[in-house]
Structures are given as C-alpha cells and as structure tokens.
Amino acid sequence: MKNEMKPQTLKGFNDYFSDDMRIRNFIRDSFRDLAQEYGYEPLETPALEYSDLILGQSGAEAEKLYYKFKDNGDRDVMLKYELMIPMCRAVAQNINNISFPFKRFQIQNVWRAENVQRGRLREFKQIDIDILGTDSPVTDAEIIQFGLAFLKKIGLKNFQVRINSREIIQGLVEVLNIEKEKFEAVYISIDKLGKIGEEKVITELTENAKIEKEKVEKLLSILGSNDIENISEILSSSKDGVKGLSNVQSIISILKKAGIEKDFVKFDLSLARGLASYTGAVWEFEIIDGNVGSVSGGGRYDKAVSKYIGREIPATGTSFGLERLTEIMKDRDIIDDFSKRNSTLIIPLDENSLESAFLVARKLRENNIDTTLFPDFLKLKDSLRFADRKGFTWVIIIGEDEISKNKIQLKNMSNKEQSSIDIESAIKEILTK
C-alpha cells in the first residue's frame, strides 16, 4: 500500500500494554482499596474545565504548563492540570449536598505541557486523597499515615515523609524583613533547592526577585538547620511562624501516637512545595534509596474553595503519580512478588474439543481463576510456546483422549510437570499453588 502513515504517539503521551497495565492496575487497586478502608469516598470530575474557574489557584509557574484553548463554542477551556482544584470547584458547586468532613479519593488523568523526561509525562494519572471541612491536625496526620501505609502496601520499604509548613517559611520571610509581596518568589525558589542547588536559588532571589543577598543567604542558612528549638526562637516574633511550627509539631506528635516510627517522619525546613494554593503544613513522601526522591506531595490548602463560595472550607490532601510509582516498581521487580495471579490457558486440540474446553473454562472462571481459551488449532508445541511467552501459570490440554476419559491434561508451566486429572481436582491444585 502507498501513502502509509507512520503510527506514533505525541511526545509525552504513552500507550500501556499488559506488562505495564498489570503494575498500574495493582497500584491503582491497592490505593482504592486502602482509601475505602480509611473511609474515603470516590469522586470523578470532567477532563475539561472553564479556564477562568481554575486560573489563579495554582500559581504562575504552574499556569505556564496549562493546556488551554477555545472549544468549538468559543469558550475558554483547559484540560485539568491537577485533581485538587477541579475537586474544589465540584465541592463548591455541590456545597449544600455534602456532609463535612468530606473525605474523597480520586484516580484520573491530568495534563501538563511539561518538558518530557523519565518520570515526567504530559498525560499522566494522579491518585489523590483529601479531607475537607476541618482544620484539625488529626486530618493532616491521617493523610500522612495513609501515604506511608500505601507505600508499604505496594511493596516499597525504604521511604519517609518530609514535613514543613508554608507558615514557617512565611514567618522567616517576616523576621528577615523581606517584603511580603515577595513570599511567592521565595517559596517557588526554595522548592527548587534540590534540583538547581543553592547558588542558583541565590541568583533567582537576588537578581529576579530583587531581595538583598545578605537576607537570602541568612534565609538559606536557617533552612539548612532542622533544630526545632532554634527555629522556635527565631520565629518567636512572627505570629504566622509560631502557628506553623506548632501545627507541624502537633502533626508529628499525632503520628507518634498512631504508632508511626520517628524514622519515617522528618522535619525539613527546606521543603516548600511549588503550588500557590498551599496555606499551611506541606509534605513530600520520598524513596530514600536508589536516587529516586519524591513520589508524592501534599499539604493544607484552606483557601482553595473560598474562591467559589466566598468562605473558607479547610482542606488537606496528598497526590501520587501513578507513572512514577510504576517505573520504580518495574526497576525493582516488586510487582512479581505482589500481584501475580494464577492464570490458565486452555488448549483444545481440535474443533471437537471446543465444547468441553468452553465448559472447563466456565468452571475455572466460576472459581475466580483467570482463564484464556486459545482460539486456534495449532501444533501443540506452538500453543505451548505461546503460553510460555505470555507467562501463563497453568495450561489445560483437551483432546479426544481426555474427553473419552472425562479428564484433562494439567501442565504446570513453572516446573513443566503434567498430569491427567479430573477438572475438580485440577481446580483444587490451581487454587492451592
């Protein structure tokens, strides 16, 4: 054929076949099941939102990455950049039908015009939990407790949560006599410390934000120290700073009471988080070994809903990226230990064996055994080669001899052992191994 089109995906957009989907489904299902155990309710919001309802919530840096356009009705719309702000819009729109505290979880795609690199795509799936309607530090602690439990549930081991507060950083800005209107520039630059280093942060804040170098260097010096007593003294003249530090101490204390070991929680003054919507405590979950870094970020965003209804609805939550977790689990072969299921391929040797093959398949599925019926009549060695390549745990062979004896041939693909057996005995063997 002439004029063939080359099949390709847009940069930053992926197809996912079975090997990836097995891991993605395992992570998604683990998150959903744990969220429901903790009492969170499911929510979905549309892919498209009115742009003016979202603009101004996430900050100038985030808005550079929005996919905005006019639709066929000449409306200004955008693909959702994150799950949190559209969720706030949905809560505000349905405020009279929601009982607070409102605990929700959400698993949906988001879109960002990112510079594509490993772990950063332009379409990816976020998995979020949030609690709205209370400013209790118990809710922040529960979100963190959930995040730690989730990472453990999917098989990760060496991880921790770093925690700080926007109010602490705001307090430091205040005591260093840095202009209040430069606070956003400060936390955006601090958020880049781990990526671009101290010297570039100093350059950003002195040259771009026009903050005196002496104040910037003093700020970075303080951020390098995580001594709570020393920070408490520095912040003593700042109402916001004192409040933020007290809140972080309360969250850490509650986590201790919940049985979270101190090695899993780290107070880190250099943590800022980049989104403008955060108002209080912020945190990141990070994998300590393997140079992985952050896998989730979250915090308190008490003013996000007020844009829509004119009054504050306190809120807190955290967000994981499914693709990033998938890559980590693939690199560490964790999925083989946590998500393998018994799967069976039924091979009818000829057309006369089809009826028996369908009956056997039905019995296996009734016993919750994943079952595939091979549709072609090939040489047995070719069918077995397919089973081996696809990773089936078991193969059932049905031919004329098996039908006459009311038996099947059951082959264990891991050790290649094969036996003639009745279907009920076969089901028991599959389920017990």
Protein backbone atom coordinates (compact mmCIF):
# COMPACT_ATOMS: atom_id res chain seq x y z
CA MET A 1 0.00 0.00 0.00
CA LYS A 2 1.16 3.53 -0.74
CA ASN A 3 0.80 6.64 1.42
CA GLU A 4 1.07 4.68 4.66
CA MET A 5 1.02 6.87 7.78
CA LYS A 6 3.68 6.21 10.39
CA PRO A 7 1.94 5.21 13.65
CA GLN A 8 3.25 7.28 16.55
CA THR A 9 2.16 8.87 19.81
CA LEU A 10 2.52 12.54 20.69
CA LYS A 11 5.59 13.33 22.78
CA GLY A 12 4.77 12.85 26.44
CA PHE A 13 1.77 10.59 25.77
CA ASN A 14 2.06 6.81 26.16
CA ASP A 15 0.36 3.56 25.26
CA TYR A 16 0.31 0.92 28.00
CA PHE A 17 0.23 -2.79 27.20
CA SER A 18 -0.29 -5.71 29.55
CA ASP A 19 3.05 -5.72 31.41
CA ASP A 20 2.63 -2.07 32.35
CA MET A 21 -1.11 -2.38 32.92
CA ARG A 22 -0.61 -5.23 35.36
CA ILE A 23 1.53 -2.95 37.52
CA ARG A 24 -0.69 0.10 37.01
CA ASN A 25 -3.82 -1.84 37.94
CA PHE A 26 -2.11 -3.26 41.02
CA ILE A 27 -1.09 0.22 42.25
CA ARG A 28 -4.49 1.72 41.44
CA ASP A 29 -6.42 -1.11 43.09
CA SER A 30 -4.17 -1.05 46.17
CA PHE A 31 -4.77 2.69 46.52
CA ARG A 32 -8.53 2.40 46.03
CA ASP A 33 -8.89 -0.49 48.49
CA LEU A 34 -6.83 1.28 51.16
CA ALA A 35 -8.72 4.55 50.66
CA GLN A 36 -12.02 2.78 51.20
CA GLU A 37 -10.62 1.09 54.32
CA TYR A 38 -9.87 4.58 55.66
CA GLY A 39 -13.39 5.80 54.84
CA TYR A 40 -12.72 7.87 51.70
CA GLU A 41 -15.42 8.21 49.03
CA PRO A 42 -14.75 8.03 45.27
CA LEU A 43 -15.07 11.11 43.05
CA GLU A 44 -14.58 11.88 39.35
CA THR A 45 -14.52 15.28 37.67
CA PRO A 46 -14.53 16.20 33.93
CA ALA A 47 -11.39 16.36 31.81
CA LEU A 48 -12.27 19.88 30.65
CA GLU A 49 -12.90 22.87 32.92
CA TYR A 50 -13.70 26.54 32.29
CA SER A 51 -10.27 28.23 32.36
CA ASP A 52 -11.38 31.19 34.45
CA LEU A 53 -12.52 28.84 37.25
CA ILE A 54 -9.02 27.36 37.54
CA LEU A 55 -6.72 30.30 36.78
CA GLY A 56 -5.12 31.97 39.79
CA GLN A 57 -5.27 28.91 42.02
CA SER A 58 -2.03 27.05 41.33
CA GLY A 59 0.41 29.92 40.73
CA ALA A 60 2.22 31.46 37.77
CA GLU A 61 4.75 28.63 37.42
CA ALA A 62 2.01 26.01 37.15
CA GLU A 63 -0.07 28.07 34.71
CA LYS A 64 2.79 28.01 32.20
CA LEU A 65 2.05 24.29 31.83
CA TYR A 66 -1.73 24.50 31.32
CA TYR A 67 -3.29 23.09 28.14
CA LYS A 68 -5.67 25.98 27.39
CA PHE A 69 -7.69 26.50 24.21
CA LYS A 70 -11.04 27.64 22.81
CA ASP A 71 -13.57 24.89 22.16
CA ASN A 72 -15.99 24.76 19.25
CA GLY A 73 -18.36 27.03 21.17
CA ASP A 74 -15.62 29.68 21.52
CA ARG A 75 -15.39 29.04 25.27
CA ASP A 76 -12.05 29.34 27.09
CA VAL A 77 -11.42 25.85 28.45
CA MET A 78 -8.48 23.82 29.72
CA LEU A 79 -7.54 20.23 30.41
CA LYS A 80 -7.21 19.74 34.13
CA TYR A 81 -3.68 20.29 35.38
CA GLU A 82 -4.31 18.52 38.69
CA LEU A 83 -7.19 16.86 40.53
CA MET A 84 -7.33 19.15 43.56
CA ILE A 85 -8.66 22.42 42.13
CA PRO A 86 -11.38 20.79 39.95
CA MET A 87 -12.39 18.86 43.07
CA CYS A 88 -12.69 22.16 44.95
CA ARG A 89 -14.87 23.51 42.16
CA ALA A 90 -17.08 20.40 42.36
CA VAL A 91 -17.37 20.70 46.15
CA ALA A 92 -18.31 24.39 45.90
CA GLN A 93 -20.87 23.62 43.19
CA ASN A 94 -22.48 20.93 45.37
CA ILE A 95 -21.83 22.51 48.76
CA ASN A 96 -25.39 22.00 50.03
CA ASN A 97 -25.32 18.27 49.27
CA ILE A 98 -22.05 17.42 51.00
CA SER A 99 -21.63 16.41 54.63
CA PHE A 100 -18.40 17.59 56.23
CA PRO A 101 -15.80 16.41 56.96
CA PHE A 102 -15.78 15.20 53.35
CA LYS A 103 -13.20 12.50 52.65
CA ARG A 104 -12.62 11.77 48.97
CA PHE A 105 -10.25 9.76 46.81
CA GLN A 106 -9.80 10.24 43.08
CA ILE A 107 -7.92 8.38 40.32
CA GLN A 108 -7.92 10.23 36.99
CA ASN A 109 -5.73 11.58 34.21
CA VAL A 110 -4.27 15.09 34.22
CA TRP A 111 -2.39 17.02 31.52
CA ARG A 112 0.67 19.28 31.75
CA ALA A 113 2.81 20.80 28.99
CA GLU A 114 5.96 19.53 30.72
CA ASN A 115 9.48 19.14 29.39
CA VAL A 116 9.36 15.38 28.85
CA GLN A 117 11.88 13.26 30.75
CA ARG A 118 11.92 9.99 32.67
CA GLY A 119 9.04 10.09 35.14
CA ARG A 120 7.57 13.30 33.66
CA LEU A 121 4.87 12.97 31.02
CA ARG A 122 2.32 15.35 29.52
CA GLU A 123 -0.57 13.00 30.27
CA PHE A 124 -0.42 11.00 33.46
CA LYS A 125 -2.66 9.56 36.12
CA GLN A 126 -2.87 11.13 39.57
CA ILE A 127 -4.17 9.27 42.60
CA ASP A 128 -5.33 11.62 45.38
CA ILE A 129 -6.90 11.58 48.82
CA ASP A 130 -8.24 14.69 50.55
CA ILE A 131 -10.23 15.71 53.62
CA LEU A 132 -12.31 18.92 53.51
CA GLY A 133 -14.25 20.73 56.21
CA THR A 134 -11.92 20.62 59.22
CA ASP A 135 -8.64 22.30 60.16
CA SER A 136 -7.73 19.65 62.75
CA PRO A 137 -4.10 18.48 62.56
CA VAL A 138 -5.54 14.98 63.02
CA THR A 139 -6.58 15.10 59.35
CA ASP A 140 -3.10 16.10 58.18
CA ALA A 141 -1.66 13.26 60.27
CA GLU A 142 -4.16 10.81 58.80
CA ILE A 143 -3.25 11.79 55.24
CA ILE A 144 0.42 11.19 56.07
CA GLN A 145 -0.39 7.91 57.85
CA PHE A 146 -2.32 6.79 54.77
CA GLY A 147 0.55 7.69 52.43
CA LEU A 148 3.05 5.68 54.46
CA ALA A 149 0.65 2.73 54.62
CA PHE A 150 0.09 2.90 50.85
CA LEU A 151 3.81 2.82 50.01
CA LYS A 152 4.20 -0.18 52.30
CA LYS A 153 1.15 -1.88 50.76
CA ILE A 154 2.62 -1.76 47.24
CA GLY A 155 5.89 -3.27 48.42
CA LEU A 156 8.24 -0.32 48.91
CA LYS A 157 10.44 -0.40 52.01
CA ASN A 158 12.95 2.42 52.44
CA PHE A 159 10.88 5.62 52.46
CA GLN A 160 9.94 8.59 54.64
CA VAL A 161 7.80 11.71 54.69
CA ARG A 162 9.40 15.16 54.93
CA ILE A 163 7.19 17.80 56.53
CA ASN A 164 7.29 21.58 56.89
CA SER A 165 4.81 24.49 56.80
CA ARG A 166 4.28 27.40 54.45
CA GLU A 167 3.55 29.45 57.56
CA ILE A 168 7.04 28.71 58.88
CA ILE A 169 8.60 29.98 55.65
CA GLN A 170 6.28 32.97 55.75
CA GLY A 171 7.43 33.62 59.31
CA LEU A 172 11.08 33.50 58.24
CA VAL A 173 10.35 35.98 55.45
CA GLU A 174 8.76 38.24 58.05
CA VAL A 175 11.56 38.10 60.65
CA LEU A 176 14.19 38.70 57.94
CA ASN A 177 12.28 41.82 56.81
CA ILE A 178 11.76 40.53 53.28
CA GLU A 179 8.84 42.26 51.57
CA LYS A 180 5.62 40.28 52.00
CA GLU A 181 4.76 40.51 48.28
CA LYS A 182 7.93 38.52 47.51
CA PHE A 183 6.80 35.48 49.52
CA GLU A 184 5.64 33.58 46.42
CA ALA A 185 9.00 34.08 44.73
CA VAL A 186 10.72 32.82 47.90
CA TYR A 187 8.83 29.54 48.22
CA ILE A 188 8.98 28.85 44.46
CA SER A 189 12.78 29.22 44.52
CA ILE A 190 13.17 27.22 47.76
CA ASP A 191 11.15 24.43 46.14
CA LYS A 192 13.93 24.17 43.53
CA LEU A 193 16.80 23.82 46.03
CA GLY A 194 17.23 20.10 45.48
CA LYS A 195 17.10 20.48 41.69
CA ILE A 196 19.18 23.57 40.93
CA GLY A 197 21.30 23.99 44.05
CA GLU A 198 21.89 26.84 46.49
CA GLU A 199 23.88 29.14 44.19
CA LYS A 200 21.16 29.25 41.53
CA VAL A 201 18.50 29.84 44.17
CA ILE A 202 20.52 32.79 45.45
CA THR A 203 20.74 34.12 41.89
CA GLU A 204 16.99 33.74 41.36
CA LEU A 205 16.10 35.55 44.57
CA THR A 206 18.66 38.35 44.28
CA GLU A 207 18.52 39.08 40.56
CA ASN A 208 14.93 38.16 39.69
CA ALA A 209 13.09 38.84 42.96
CA LYS A 210 15.41 41.72 43.94
CA ILE A 211 15.93 40.52 47.51
CA GLU A 212 19.14 41.61 49.26
CA LYS A 213 21.82 38.90 49.06
CA GLU A 214 22.52 39.10 52.79
CA LYS A 215 18.88 38.26 53.57
CA VAL A 216 18.83 35.42 51.04
CA GLU A 217 21.99 33.87 52.47
CA LYS A 218 20.63 34.18 56.01
CA LEU A 219 17.38 32.53 54.93
CA LEU A 220 19.20 29.61 53.30
CA SER A 221 21.42 29.24 56.36
CA ILE A 222 18.34 28.90 58.57
CA LEU A 223 16.72 26.44 56.17
CA GLY A 224 19.79 24.22 56.42
CA SER A 225 19.14 23.71 60.13
CA ASN A 226 16.29 21.49 61.31
CA ASP A 227 16.73 22.19 65.03
CA ILE A 228 13.15 22.82 66.18
CA GLU A 229 14.21 24.62 69.38
CA ASN A 230 16.46 27.01 67.43
CA ILE A 231 13.74 27.63 64.83
CA SER A 232 11.22 28.28 67.61
CA GLU A 233 13.44 31.05 68.98
CA ILE A 234 13.98 32.61 65.53
CA LEU A 235 10.24 32.61 64.80
CA SER A 236 9.14 33.88 68.22
CA SER A 237 8.23 37.36 66.89
CA SER A 238 6.15 36.03 63.99
CA LYS A 239 2.54 35.02 64.66
CA ASP A 240 2.36 33.00 61.41
CA GLY A 241 5.70 31.33 62.06
CA VAL A 242 4.79 30.29 65.60
CA LYS A 243 1.44 28.96 64.41
CA GLY A 244 3.04 26.96 61.59
CA LEU A 245 5.69 25.41 63.81
CA SER A 246 3.13 24.50 66.48
CA ASN A 247 0.96 22.84 63.83
CA VAL A 248 3.85 20.76 62.47
CA GLN A 249 4.78 19.69 65.99
CA SER A 250 1.15 18.63 66.59
CA ILE A 251 1.09 16.56 63.40
CA ILE A 252 4.35 14.80 64.30
CA SER A 253 3.05 14.14 67.83
CA ILE A 254 -0.20 12.64 66.48
CA LEU A 255 1.74 10.40 64.08
CA LYS A 256 3.79 9.15 67.03
CA LYS A 257 0.58 8.34 68.92
CA ALA A 258 -0.66 6.50 65.82
CA GLY A 259 2.37 4.21 66.03
CA ILE A 260 4.40 5.75 63.19
CA GLU A 261 8.09 5.29 63.95
CA LYS A 262 10.14 8.50 64.00
CA ASP A 263 12.45 7.21 61.25
CA PHE A 264 9.55 7.57 58.80
CA VAL A 265 8.94 11.28 59.59
CA LYS A 266 11.46 14.09 59.07
CA PHE A 267 11.02 17.79 59.84
CA ASP A 268 12.64 19.61 56.90
CA LEU A 269 12.72 23.42 56.80
CA SER A 270 13.87 23.43 53.15
CA LEU A 271 10.63 21.84 51.96
CA ALA A 272 8.35 24.42 50.33
CA ARG A 273 6.19 22.81 47.58
CA GLY A 274 5.63 24.89 44.44
CA LEU A 275 1.86 25.33 44.13
CA ALA A 276 0.42 28.65 45.27
CA SER A 277 -2.67 27.06 46.81
CA TYR A 278 -0.88 25.66 49.89
CA THR A 279 -1.54 27.60 53.10
CA GLY A 280 -0.14 25.55 56.00
CA ALA A 281 1.61 22.23 56.55
CA VAL A 282 3.23 20.70 53.44
CA TRP A 283 4.92 17.35 52.93
CA GLU A 284 6.56 15.04 50.44
CA PHE A 285 6.90 11.28 50.50
CA GLU A 286 10.27 10.17 49.19
CA ILE A 287 12.08 6.94 48.46
CA ILE A 288 15.39 7.15 50.29
CA ASP A 289 17.48 4.62 48.37
CA GLY A 290 18.22 4.39 44.64
CA ASN A 291 18.34 8.15 44.00
CA VAL A 292 14.55 8.18 43.46
CA GLY A 293 13.42 11.12 45.56
CA SER A 294 9.85 12.38 45.88
CA VAL A 295 6.90 10.21 44.83
CA SER A 296 4.10 12.30 46.35
CA GLY A 297 3.44 15.81 47.55
CA GLY A 298 0.65 17.37 49.53
CA GLY A 299 -0.39 19.76 52.22
CA ARG A 300 -3.08 22.03 53.57
CA TYR A 301 -4.93 24.37 51.19
CA ASP A 302 -7.57 26.11 53.29
CA LYS A 303 -8.41 28.92 50.85
CA ALA A 304 -8.91 27.00 47.59
CA VAL A 305 -12.68 26.54 47.88
CA SER A 306 -13.27 30.14 49.04
CA LYS A 307 -12.72 31.47 45.50
CA TYR A 308 -16.05 29.91 44.54
CA ILE A 309 -18.25 30.47 47.61
CA GLY A 310 -16.70 33.38 49.49
CA ARG A 311 -15.92 31.46 52.70
CA GLU A 312 -13.14 29.16 53.71
CA ILE A 313 -13.53 25.40 53.70
CA PRO A 314 -10.40 23.95 55.40
CA ALA A 315 -8.79 21.22 53.28
CA THR A 316 -5.80 18.91 53.25
CA GLY A 317 -4.60 16.12 50.99
CA THR A 318 -1.84 14.43 49.03
CA SER A 319 -1.25 13.24 45.48
CA PHE A 320 0.74 10.37 43.98
CA GLY A 321 1.73 9.96 40.33
CA LEU A 322 0.88 6.51 39.03
CA GLU A 323 3.53 6.51 36.30
CA ARG A 324 6.36 7.37 38.68
CA LEU A 325 5.40 4.58 41.06
CA THR A 326 5.11 2.19 38.10
CA GLU A 327 8.67 2.94 36.97
CA ILE A 328 10.02 2.42 40.48
CA MET A 329 8.27 -0.93 40.84
CA LYS A 330 9.45 -2.08 37.42
CA ASP A 331 13.05 -1.15 38.26
CA ARG A 332 12.88 -3.15 41.49
CA ASP A 333 10.83 -6.12 40.22
CA ILE A 334 8.43 -5.61 43.13
CA ILE A 335 5.35 -6.47 41.10
CA ASP A 336 6.32 -10.13 40.73
CA ASP A 337 6.03 -10.56 44.49
CA PHE A 338 2.82 -8.60 44.96
CA SER A 339 0.49 -9.01 42.01
CA LYS A 340 0.98 -12.41 40.36
CA ARG A 341 -2.25 -14.29 39.88
CA ASN A 342 -2.79 -17.85 38.81
CA SER A 343 -3.61 -17.69 35.10
CA THR A 344 -4.60 -20.63 32.94
CA LEU A 345 -4.55 -21.23 29.20
CA ILE A 346 -6.94 -23.87 27.84
CA ILE A 347 -5.79 -25.51 24.60
CA PRO A 348 -8.42 -27.52 22.68
CA LEU A 349 -6.61 -29.78 20.24
CA ASP A 350 -9.35 -29.79 17.61
CA GLU A 351 -12.82 -28.47 16.87
CA ASN A 352 -14.45 -31.48 18.53
CA SER A 353 -12.80 -30.45 21.81
CA LEU A 354 -14.27 -26.95 21.83
CA GLU A 355 -17.45 -27.74 23.75
CA SER A 356 -15.51 -29.40 26.58
CA ALA A 357 -12.99 -26.54 26.55
CA PHE A 358 -15.76 -23.96 27.00
CA LEU A 359 -17.28 -25.96 29.89
CA VAL A 360 -13.91 -26.25 31.64
CA ALA A 361 -13.25 -22.52 31.13
CA ARG A 362 -16.60 -21.67 32.71
CA LYS A 363 -15.88 -23.83 35.78
CA LEU A 364 -12.47 -22.23 36.26
CA ARG A 365 -13.89 -18.70 36.00
CA GLU A 366 -16.65 -19.59 38.47
CA ASN A 367 -13.79 -20.33 40.89
CA ASN A 368 -12.14 -16.95 40.21
CA ILE A 369 -9.30 -18.40 38.15
CA ASP A 370 -8.14 -16.18 35.29
CA THR A 371 -8.73 -18.27 32.18
CA THR A 372 -7.95 -17.80 28.49
CA LEU A 373 -9.23 -20.10 25.74
CA PHE A 374 -6.73 -20.49 22.90
CA PRO A 375 -8.74 -19.90 19.69
CA ASP A 376 -6.61 -21.67 17.04
CA PHE A 377 -5.81 -25.31 16.43
CA LEU A 378 -2.04 -25.28 16.09
CA LYS A 379 0.64 -27.85 16.73
CA LEU A 380 0.75 -28.35 20.49
CA LYS A 381 4.36 -27.17 20.73
CA ASP A 382 3.37 -23.86 19.13
CA SER A 383 0.47 -23.36 21.53
CA LEU A 384 2.74 -24.16 24.49
CA ARG A 385 5.33 -21.71 23.18
CA PHE A 386 2.62 -19.02 23.25
CA ALA A 387 1.70 -19.98 26.84
CA ASP A 388 5.33 -19.77 27.92
CA ARG A 389 5.90 -16.42 26.21
CA LYS A 390 2.79 -14.89 27.82
CA GLY A 391 3.66 -16.18 31.28
CA PHE A 392 0.66 -18.43 31.98
CA THR A 393 0.96 -20.34 35.25
CA TRP A 394 -1.03 -23.35 34.05
CA VAL A 395 -2.03 -24.98 30.77
CA ILE A 396 -5.00 -27.32 30.33
CA ILE A 397 -4.94 -29.54 27.24
CA ILE A 398 -8.16 -31.13 25.98
CA GLY A 399 -8.33 -33.60 23.12
CA GLU A 400 -10.17 -36.74 22.09
CA ASP A 401 -8.48 -38.96 24.72
CA GLU A 402 -9.23 -36.51 27.53
CA ILE A 403 -12.90 -36.24 26.56
CA SER A 404 -13.33 -40.04 26.43
CA LYS A 405 -11.81 -40.39 29.93
CA ASN A 406 -13.58 -37.31 31.36
CA LYS A 407 -10.15 -35.91 32.25
CA ILE A 408 -7.90 -33.04 31.26
CA GLN A 409 -4.13 -32.69 30.95
CA LEU A 410 -2.92 -30.13 33.54
CA LYS A 411 0.56 -28.73 32.93
CA ASN A 412 2.42 -26.62 35.50
CA MET A 413 4.40 -24.13 33.38
CA SER A 414 6.95 -23.35 36.11
CA ASN A 415 8.22 -26.90 36.64
CA LYS A 416 6.79 -28.43 33.42
CA GLU A 417 5.07 -31.26 35.36
CA GLN A 418 1.98 -32.62 33.63
CA SER A 419 -0.75 -34.97 34.83
CA SER A 420 -4.05 -36.45 33.68
CA ILE A 421 -6.64 -35.27 36.19
CA ASP A 422 -10.36 -34.52 36.58
CA ILE A 423 -11.48 -30.90 36.49
CA GLU A 424 -12.45 -30.64 40.17
CA SER A 425 -9.04 -31.91 41.27
CA ALA A 426 -7.42 -29.54 38.81
CA ILE A 427 -9.27 -26.55 40.30
CA LYS A 428 -8.10 -27.51 43.80
CA GLU A 429 -4.48 -27.83 42.63
CA ILE A 430 -4.55 -24.48 40.82
CA LEU A 431 -6.05 -22.70 43.82
CA THR A 432 -3.62 -24.15 46.35
CA LYS A 433 -0.38 -23.36 44.49
